[in-house]
Amino acid sequence: MTNRMSFSLGAAVCALLLGFGYFLQYVQNLQPCPLCLVQRGFFAGVMVVFAVAAVHGPRRVGTALYSALAVLFSLGGAATATRQVWLQSLPPEKVPACGPDLAYMLKNFPLMRTLEKLFTATGECAVVDWTFLGLSIAGWSLVWFAIFCVYAAWLAVRALRTPAAAA
């Protein structure tokens, strides 16, 4: 499989996952919490990196650089999803109190305060509205971020192991 096809596949899977998130929000009426919105941003970041790489069609070093960016976005998303999975595993009496929604925070708080609030999360991020095969949306996000991280790393290793003339 060529680099363009490999990166296109990653971008397409990200687009499908984001599309499913919007389906859950707008068709199933499941409103995303602040951590869900942050995870969407990381999925979008991975998708953009893969899409730009697919259009660019990089060789060895370029593939490694795009893959490194995709790994970084995937790790950020995985960290956010891990935080939410942890919140969801807390007993009800240990869940933090709910705070303001993201739109309110962006409008009324400085950016650093908003980011701090997002990553400390509130009680609304501990609610599990949907599960599939025993995993919540955050659990599935964590699985997919791990897959993207491994996939992007594999693309980089594969490209760097390819002889320069063949790339």
C-alpha atoms as a PDB file:
ATOM      1  CA  MET A   1       0.000   0.000   0.000  1.00  0.00           C
ATOM      2  CA  THR A   2       1.378   3.406  -0.928  1.00  0.00           C
ATOM      3  CA  ASN A   3       1.900   6.203   1.591  1.00  0.00           C
ATOM      4  CA  ARG A   4      -0.966   8.178   0.053  1.00  0.00           C
ATOM      5  CA  MET A   5      -3.358   5.261   0.463  1.00  0.00           C
ATOM      6  CA  SER A   6      -2.143   4.536   3.993  1.00  0.00           C
ATOM      7  CA  PHE A   7      -2.651   8.117   5.101  1.00  0.00           C
ATOM      8  CA  SER A   8      -5.992   8.300   3.255  1.00  0.00           C
ATOM      9  CA  LEU A   9      -7.188   5.233   5.147  1.00  0.00           C
ATOM     10  CA  GLY A  10      -6.322   6.869   8.488  1.00  0.00           C
ATOM     11  CA  ALA A  11      -8.086  10.098   7.485  1.00  0.00           C
ATOM     12  CA  ALA A  12     -11.175   8.186   6.332  1.00  0.00           C
ATOM     13  CA  VAL A  13     -11.436   6.239   9.594  1.00  0.00           C
ATOM     14  CA  CYS A  14     -11.116   9.483  11.585  1.00  0.00           C
ATOM     15  CA  ALA A  15     -13.832  11.075   9.436  1.00  0.00           C
ATOM     16  CA  LEU A  16     -16.128   8.101  10.062  1.00  0.00           C
ATOM     17  CA  LEU A  17     -15.534   8.297  13.821  1.00  0.00           C
ATOM     18  CA  LEU A  18     -16.240  12.029  13.857  1.00  0.00           C
ATOM     19  CA  GLY A  19     -19.326  11.431  11.742  1.00  0.00           C
ATOM     20  CA  PHE A  20     -20.548   8.852  14.241  1.00  0.00           C
ATOM     21  CA  GLY A  21     -19.995  11.361  17.048  1.00  0.00           C
ATOM     22  CA  TYR A  22     -22.130  13.903  15.221  1.00  0.00           C
ATOM     23  CA  PHE A  23     -24.759  11.219  14.577  1.00  0.00           C
ATOM     24  CA  LEU A  24     -24.908  10.514  18.314  1.00  0.00           C
ATOM     25  CA  GLN A  25     -25.189  14.243  19.029  1.00  0.00           C
ATOM     26  CA  TYR A  26     -27.672  15.364  16.396  1.00  0.00           C
ATOM     27  CA  VAL A  27     -29.711  12.213  15.719  1.00  0.00           C
ATOM     28  CA  GLN A  28     -29.564  10.418  19.069  1.00  0.00           C
ATOM     29  CA  ASN A  29     -29.548  13.728  21.037  1.00  0.00           C
ATOM     30  CA  LEU A  30     -26.539  12.799  23.198  1.00  0.00           C
ATOM     31  CA  GLN A  31     -24.894  16.088  24.116  1.00  0.00           C
ATOM     32  CA  PRO A  32     -21.087  15.911  24.343  1.00  0.00           C
ATOM     33  CA  CYS A  33     -19.399  16.943  27.570  1.00  0.00           C
ATOM     34  CA  PRO A  34     -16.312  19.201  27.564  1.00  0.00           C
ATOM     35  CA  LEU A  35     -13.884  16.257  27.502  1.00  0.00           C
ATOM     36  CA  CYS A  36     -15.806  14.724  24.576  1.00  0.00           C
ATOM     37  CA  LEU A  37     -15.370  17.987  22.673  1.00  0.00           C
ATOM     38  CA  VAL A  38     -11.646  17.996  23.400  1.00  0.00           C
ATOM     39  CA  GLN A  39     -11.414  14.414  22.117  1.00  0.00           C
ATOM     40  CA  ARG A  40     -13.232  15.475  18.947  1.00  0.00           C
ATOM     41  CA  GLY A  41     -10.588  18.138  18.488  1.00  0.00           C
ATOM     42  CA  PHE A  42      -7.828  15.547  18.770  1.00  0.00           C
ATOM     43  CA  PHE A  43      -9.628  13.239  16.299  1.00  0.00           C
ATOM     44  CA  ALA A  44      -9.891  16.195  13.922  1.00  0.00           C
ATOM     45  CA  GLY A  45      -6.174  16.884  14.409  1.00  0.00           C
ATOM     46  CA  VAL A  46      -5.261  13.288  13.556  1.00  0.00           C
ATOM     47  CA  MET A  47      -7.587  13.412  10.540  1.00  0.00           C
ATOM     48  CA  VAL A  48      -6.076  16.663   9.234  1.00  0.00           C
ATOM     49  CA  VAL A  49      -2.526  15.317   9.593  1.00  0.00           C
ATOM     50  CA  PHE A  50      -3.452  12.129   7.750  1.00  0.00           C
ATOM     51  CA  ALA A  51      -5.356  14.062   5.051  1.00  0.00           C
ATOM     52  CA  VAL A  52      -2.545  16.557   4.435  1.00  0.00           C
ATOM     53  CA  ALA A  53      -0.046  13.690   4.301  1.00  0.00           C
ATOM     54  CA  ALA A  54      -2.284  11.852   1.814  1.00  0.00           C
ATOM     55  CA  VAL A  55      -2.402  14.914  -0.445  1.00  0.00           C
ATOM     56  CA  HIS A  56       1.320  15.595  -0.058  1.00  0.00           C
ATOM     57  CA  GLY A  57       2.438  11.993  -0.618  1.00  0.00           C
ATOM     58  CA  PRO A  58       5.635  12.277   1.425  1.00  0.00           C
ATOM     59  CA  ARG A  59       8.682  10.066   1.125  1.00  0.00           C
ATOM     60  CA  ARG A  60      10.679   8.572   4.011  1.00  0.00           C
ATOM     61  CA  VAL A  61      11.414  11.560   6.253  1.00  0.00           C
ATOM     62  CA  GLY A  62       8.133  13.307   5.458  1.00  0.00           C
ATOM     63  CA  THR A  63       6.191  10.173   6.327  1.00  0.00           C
ATOM     64  CA  ALA A  64       8.051   9.953   9.635  1.00  0.00           C
ATOM     65  CA  LEU A  65       7.279  13.622  10.404  1.00  0.00           C
ATOM     66  CA  TYR A  66       3.576  13.351   9.551  1.00  0.00           C
ATOM     67  CA  SER A  67       3.384  10.131  11.525  1.00  0.00           C
ATOM     68  CA  ALA A  68       5.040  11.786  14.522  1.00  0.00           C
ATOM     69  CA  LEU A  69       2.416  14.555  14.400  1.00  0.00           C
ATOM     70  CA  ALA A  70      -0.370  11.974  14.215  1.00  0.00           C
ATOM     71  CA  VAL A  71       1.163  10.140  17.195  1.00  0.00           C
ATOM     72  CA  LEU A  72       1.252  13.397  19.193  1.00  0.00           C
ATOM     73  CA  PHE A  73      -2.418  14.153  18.481  1.00  0.00           C
ATOM     74  CA  SER A  74      -3.297  10.532  19.262  1.00  0.00           C
ATOM     75  CA  LEU A  75      -1.451  10.688  22.575  1.00  0.00           C
ATOM     76  CA  GLY A  76      -3.238  13.924  23.498  1.00  0.00           C
ATOM     77  CA  GLY A  77      -6.568  12.336  22.682  1.00  0.00           C
ATOM     78  CA  ALA A  78      -5.673   9.186  24.596  1.00  0.00           C
ATOM     79  CA  ALA A  79      -4.740  11.230  27.661  1.00  0.00           C
ATOM     80  CA  THR A  80      -8.066  13.070  27.503  1.00  0.00           C
ATOM     81  CA  ALA A  81     -10.033   9.859  26.994  1.00  0.00           C
ATOM     82  CA  THR A  82      -8.133   8.192  29.862  1.00  0.00           C
ATOM     83  CA  ARG A  83      -9.117  11.050  32.152  1.00  0.00           C
ATOM     84  CA  GLN A  84     -12.761  10.651  31.172  1.00  0.00           C
ATOM     85  CA  VAL A  85     -12.718   6.860  31.569  1.00  0.00           C
ATOM     86  CA  TRP A  86     -11.244   7.385  35.036  1.00  0.00           C
ATOM     87  CA  LEU A  87     -14.000   9.888  35.917  1.00  0.00           C
ATOM     88  CA  GLN A  88     -16.605   7.417  34.680  1.00  0.00           C
ATOM     89  CA  SER A  89     -15.172   4.694  36.913  1.00  0.00           C
ATOM     90  CA  LEU A  90     -15.499   6.777  40.095  1.00  0.00           C
ATOM     91  CA  PRO A  91     -18.226   5.947  42.597  1.00  0.00           C
ATOM     92  CA  PRO A  92     -21.052   8.541  42.434  1.00  0.00           C
ATOM     93  CA  GLU A  93     -20.042  10.183  45.721  1.00  0.00           C
ATOM     94  CA  LYS A  94     -16.491  10.802  44.412  1.00  0.00           C
ATOM     95  CA  VAL A  95     -17.524  12.450  41.122  1.00  0.00           C
ATOM     96  CA  PRO A  96     -16.680  16.180  41.048  1.00  0.00           C
ATOM     97  CA  ALA A  97     -19.539  18.662  40.952  1.00  0.00           C
ATOM     98  CA  CYS A  98     -20.716  19.842  37.535  1.00  0.00           C
ATOM     99  CA  GLY A  99     -19.373  23.157  36.312  1.00  0.00           C
ATOM    100  CA  PRO A 100     -20.204  25.573  33.498  1.00  0.00           C
ATOM    101  CA  ASP A 101     -20.447  24.310  29.920  1.00  0.00           C
ATOM    102  CA  LEU A 102     -17.714  24.835  27.346  1.00  0.00           C
ATOM    103  CA  ALA A 103     -19.439  27.712  25.518  1.00  0.00           C
ATOM    104  CA  TYR A 104     -19.811  29.647  28.774  1.00  0.00           C
ATOM    105  CA  MET A 105     -16.179  29.004  29.762  1.00  0.00           C
ATOM    106  CA  LEU A 106     -14.843  30.108  26.363  1.00  0.00           C
ATOM    107  CA  LYS A 107     -16.903  33.285  26.518  1.00  0.00           C
ATOM    108  CA  ASN A 108     -16.177  34.240  30.148  1.00  0.00           C
ATOM    109  CA  PHE A 109     -12.847  32.687  31.198  1.00  0.00           C
ATOM    110  CA  PRO A 110      -9.322  33.323  29.939  1.00  0.00           C
ATOM    111  CA  LEU A 111      -8.109  30.545  27.635  1.00  0.00           C
ATOM    112  CA  MET A 112      -5.707  29.033  30.175  1.00  0.00           C
ATOM    113  CA  ARG A 113      -8.453  28.868  32.821  1.00  0.00           C
ATOM    114  CA  THR A 114     -10.801  27.234  30.308  1.00  0.00           C
ATOM    115  CA  LEU A 115      -8.154  24.636  29.405  1.00  0.00           C
ATOM    116  CA  GLU A 116      -7.495  23.981  33.089  1.00  0.00           C
ATOM    117  CA  LYS A 117     -11.218  23.466  33.700  1.00  0.00           C
ATOM    118  CA  LEU A 118     -11.497  21.182  30.671  1.00  0.00           C
ATOM    119  CA  PHE A 119      -8.733  18.883  31.805  1.00  0.00           C
ATOM    120  CA  THR A 120      -9.819  18.742  35.424  1.00  0.00           C
ATOM    121  CA  ALA A 121     -13.329  17.991  34.103  1.00  0.00           C
ATOM    122  CA  THR A 122     -16.607  18.026  35.959  1.00  0.00           C
ATOM    123  CA  GLY A 123     -19.387  15.658  36.897  1.00  0.00           C
ATOM    124  CA  GLU A 124     -21.025  15.826  33.498  1.00  0.00           C
ATOM    125  CA  CYS A 125     -17.955  14.082  32.046  1.00  0.00           C
ATOM    126  CA  ALA A 126     -18.553  11.115  34.365  1.00  0.00           C
ATOM    127  CA  VAL A 127     -22.003  10.360  32.923  1.00  0.00           C
ATOM    128  CA  VAL A 128     -22.175   7.295  30.681  1.00  0.00           C
ATOM    129  CA  ASP A 129     -25.008   7.801  28.189  1.00  0.00           C
ATOM    130  CA  TRP A 130     -24.056   5.128  25.670  1.00  0.00           C
ATOM    131  CA  THR A 131     -22.123   1.863  25.661  1.00  0.00           C
ATOM    132  CA  PHE A 132     -21.177  -0.747  23.084  1.00  0.00           C
ATOM    133  CA  LEU A 133     -19.598  -4.061  24.048  1.00  0.00           C
ATOM    134  CA  GLY A 134     -19.226  -2.766  27.586  1.00  0.00           C
ATOM    135  CA  LEU A 135     -17.244   0.369  26.672  1.00  0.00           C
ATOM    136  CA  SER A 136     -18.457   3.954  26.898  1.00  0.00           C
ATOM    137  CA  ILE A 137     -17.825   6.521  24.184  1.00  0.00           C
ATOM    138  CA  ALA A 138     -14.708   7.611  26.081  1.00  0.00           C
ATOM    139  CA  GLY A 139     -13.564   3.992  26.300  1.00  0.00           C
ATOM    140  CA  TRP A 140     -13.962   3.555  22.552  1.00  0.00           C
ATOM    141  CA  SER A 141     -12.169   6.856  21.960  1.00  0.00           C
ATOM    142  CA  LEU A 142      -9.257   5.568  24.003  1.00  0.00           C
ATOM    143  CA  VAL A 143      -9.173   2.356  21.934  1.00  0.00           C
ATOM    144  CA  TRP A 144      -9.207   4.308  18.658  1.00  0.00           C
ATOM    145  CA  PHE A 145      -6.546   6.770  19.798  1.00  0.00           C
ATOM    146  CA  ALA A 146      -4.325   3.810  20.724  1.00  0.00           C
ATOM    147  CA  ILE A 147      -4.961   2.265  17.289  1.00  0.00           C
ATOM    148  CA  PHE A 148      -4.088   5.541  15.534  1.00  0.00           C
ATOM    149  CA  CYS A 149      -0.943   5.898  17.619  1.00  0.00           C
ATOM    150  CA  VAL A 150       0.256   2.393  16.729  1.00  0.00           C
ATOM    151  CA  TYR A 151      -0.786   2.808  13.072  1.00  0.00           C
ATOM    152  CA  ALA A 152       1.058   6.113  12.681  1.00  0.00           C
ATOM    153  CA  ALA A 153       4.156   4.695  14.380  1.00  0.00           C
ATOM    154  CA  TRP A 154       4.001   1.671  12.069  1.00  0.00           C
ATOM    155  CA  LEU A 155       3.785   3.974   9.021  1.00  0.00           C
ATOM    156  CA  ALA A 156       6.894   5.827  10.191  1.00  0.00           C
ATOM    157  CA  VAL A 157       8.891   2.665  10.887  1.00  0.00           C
ATOM    158  CA  ARG A 158       7.837   1.152   7.558  1.00  0.00           C
ATOM    159  CA  ALA A 159       8.895   4.295   5.688  1.00  0.00           C
ATOM    160  CA  LEU A 160      12.242   4.573   7.458  1.00  0.00           C
ATOM    161  CA  ARG A 161      13.053   0.896   6.813  1.00  0.00           C
ATOM    162  CA  THR A 162      12.330   1.278   3.094  1.00  0.00           C
ATOM    163  CA  PRO A 163      15.505   1.866   1.084  1.00  0.00           C
ATOM    164  CA  ALA A 164      15.787   5.483  -0.073  1.00  0.00           C
ATOM    165  CA  ALA A 165      15.654   4.583  -3.779  1.00  0.00           C
ATOM    166  CA  ALA A 166      12.420   2.568  -3.325  1.00  0.00           C
ATOM    167  CA  ALA A 167      10.661   5.346  -1.426  1.00  0.00           C
END
